[in-house]
Amino acid sequence: MSQSRQITTSKTGVPIIAIVALAIVFVAGLFIVGFDQGHIFSVVYGEQAFEDLYIHELTHDMRHAAGFPCH
């Protein structure tokens, strides 16, 4: 009598789409925290957003903690 065995392997890993999504979130967050000088809100508020700098003021201390000079 012959016996046959079934070998199962499971592929455990991170899906490539998850890595791409995380990279997009990282780049967007880096831009917002490190480089935004009114660009995000300028779509809604126009030129006034470059003077008010809402996101800059909101993330000001985080910018310095991350090593971004801003003034």
C-alpha atoms as a PDB file:
ATOM      1  CA  MET A   1       0.000   0.000   0.000  1.00  0.00           C
ATOM      2  CA  SER A   2       1.437   3.375  -0.957  1.00  0.00           C
ATOM      3  CA  GLN A   3       1.000   6.468   1.105  1.00  0.00           C
ATOM      4  CA  SER A   4       0.958   9.963  -0.228  1.00  0.00           C
ATOM      5  CA  ARG A   5       1.601  13.017   1.850  1.00  0.00           C
ATOM      6  CA  GLN A   6       0.375  16.456   1.154  1.00  0.00           C
ATOM      7  CA  ILE A   7       2.863  19.213   1.855  1.00  0.00           C
ATOM      8  CA  THR A   8       1.406  22.633   2.321  1.00  0.00           C
ATOM      9  CA  THR A   9       3.406  25.803   2.429  1.00  0.00           C
ATOM     10  CA  SER A  10       2.066  29.117   3.469  1.00  0.00           C
ATOM     11  CA  LYS A  11       3.378  32.324   2.030  1.00  0.00           C
ATOM     12  CA  THR A  12       3.631  34.889   4.749  1.00  0.00           C
ATOM     13  CA  GLY A  13       4.670  38.303   3.700  1.00  0.00           C
ATOM     14  CA  VAL A  14       3.537  41.838   3.250  1.00  0.00           C
ATOM     15  CA  PRO A  15       1.501  42.513   0.109  1.00  0.00           C
ATOM     16  CA  ILE A  16       3.172  44.910  -2.297  1.00  0.00           C
ATOM     17  CA  ILE A  17       0.067  47.127  -2.343  1.00  0.00           C
ATOM     18  CA  ALA A  18       0.432  47.657   1.412  1.00  0.00           C
ATOM     19  CA  ILE A  19       4.028  48.771   0.962  1.00  0.00           C
ATOM     20  CA  VAL A  20       3.044  51.190  -1.803  1.00  0.00           C
ATOM     21  CA  ALA A  21       0.182  52.612   0.265  1.00  0.00           C
ATOM     22  CA  LEU A  22       2.458  53.089   3.277  1.00  0.00           C
ATOM     23  CA  ALA A  23       5.066  54.809   1.109  1.00  0.00           C
ATOM     24  CA  ILE A  24       2.442  57.221  -0.235  1.00  0.00           C
ATOM     25  CA  VAL A  25       1.239  58.042   3.282  1.00  0.00           C
ATOM     26  CA  PHE A  26       4.843  58.558   4.412  1.00  0.00           C
ATOM     27  CA  VAL A  27       5.697  60.917   1.540  1.00  0.00           C
ATOM     28  CA  ALA A  28       2.490  62.923   2.033  1.00  0.00           C
ATOM     29  CA  GLY A  29       3.150  63.207   5.765  1.00  0.00           C
ATOM     30  CA  LEU A  30       6.753  64.229   5.177  1.00  0.00           C
ATOM     31  CA  PHE A  31       5.617  66.956   2.810  1.00  0.00           C
ATOM     32  CA  ILE A  32       2.948  68.237   5.181  1.00  0.00           C
ATOM     33  CA  VAL A  33       5.202  68.299   8.244  1.00  0.00           C
ATOM     34  CA  GLY A  34       8.444  69.323   6.612  1.00  0.00           C
ATOM     35  CA  PHE A  35       7.809  71.405   3.562  1.00  0.00           C
ATOM     36  CA  ASP A  36       4.287  72.803   3.462  1.00  0.00           C
ATOM     37  CA  GLN A  37       4.254  76.594   3.568  1.00  0.00           C
ATOM     38  CA  GLY A  38       0.591  77.083   2.757  1.00  0.00           C
ATOM     39  CA  HIS A  39       0.430  74.922  -0.369  1.00  0.00           C
ATOM     40  CA  ILE A  40      -2.247  72.539   0.935  1.00  0.00           C
ATOM     41  CA  PHE A  41      -4.744  75.227   1.938  1.00  0.00           C
ATOM     42  CA  SER A  42      -3.939  77.448  -1.054  1.00  0.00           C
ATOM     43  CA  VAL A  43      -6.312  75.285  -3.092  1.00  0.00           C
ATOM     44  CA  VAL A  44      -9.172  76.511  -0.894  1.00  0.00           C
ATOM     45  CA  TYR A  45      -8.007  79.875   0.490  1.00  0.00           C
ATOM     46  CA  GLY A  46      -5.851  81.106  -2.390  1.00  0.00           C
ATOM     47  CA  GLU A  47      -2.965  83.493  -1.692  1.00  0.00           C
ATOM     48  CA  GLN A  48      -4.147  84.110   1.877  1.00  0.00           C
ATOM     49  CA  ALA A  49      -3.014  80.581   2.846  1.00  0.00           C
ATOM     50  CA  PHE A  50       0.621  81.516   2.156  1.00  0.00           C
ATOM     51  CA  GLU A  51       0.346  84.303   4.723  1.00  0.00           C
ATOM     52  CA  ASP A  52      -1.600  82.415   7.415  1.00  0.00           C
ATOM     53  CA  LEU A  53       0.453  79.161   7.333  1.00  0.00           C
ATOM     54  CA  TYR A  54      -2.080  77.089   9.287  1.00  0.00           C
ATOM     55  CA  ILE A  55      -0.331  73.727   8.872  1.00  0.00           C
ATOM     56  CA  HIS A  56       3.080  75.288   9.471  1.00  0.00           C
ATOM     57  CA  GLU A  57       1.969  76.694  12.794  1.00  0.00           C
ATOM     58  CA  LEU A  58       0.197  73.454  13.724  1.00  0.00           C
ATOM     59  CA  THR A  59       3.285  71.330  13.077  1.00  0.00           C
ATOM     60  CA  HIS A  60       5.898  73.920  14.085  1.00  0.00           C
ATOM     61  CA  ASP A  61       7.371  72.088  17.072  1.00  0.00           C
ATOM     62  CA  MET A  62       7.258  68.758  15.263  1.00  0.00           C
ATOM     63  CA  ARG A  63       9.300  70.310  12.466  1.00  0.00           C
ATOM     64  CA  HIS A  64      12.061  71.300  14.843  1.00  0.00           C
ATOM     65  CA  ALA A  65      11.985  67.919  16.583  1.00  0.00           C
ATOM     66  CA  ALA A  66      12.388  66.224  13.191  1.00  0.00           C
ATOM     67  CA  GLY A  67      15.286  68.487  12.259  1.00  0.00           C
ATOM     68  CA  PHE A  68      13.576  70.762   9.727  1.00  0.00           C
ATOM     69  CA  PRO A  69      14.618  74.377  10.027  1.00  0.00           C
ATOM     70  CA  CYS A  70      11.768  76.722   9.270  1.00  0.00           C
ATOM     71  CA  HIS A  71      12.912  80.138  10.409  1.00  0.00           C
END
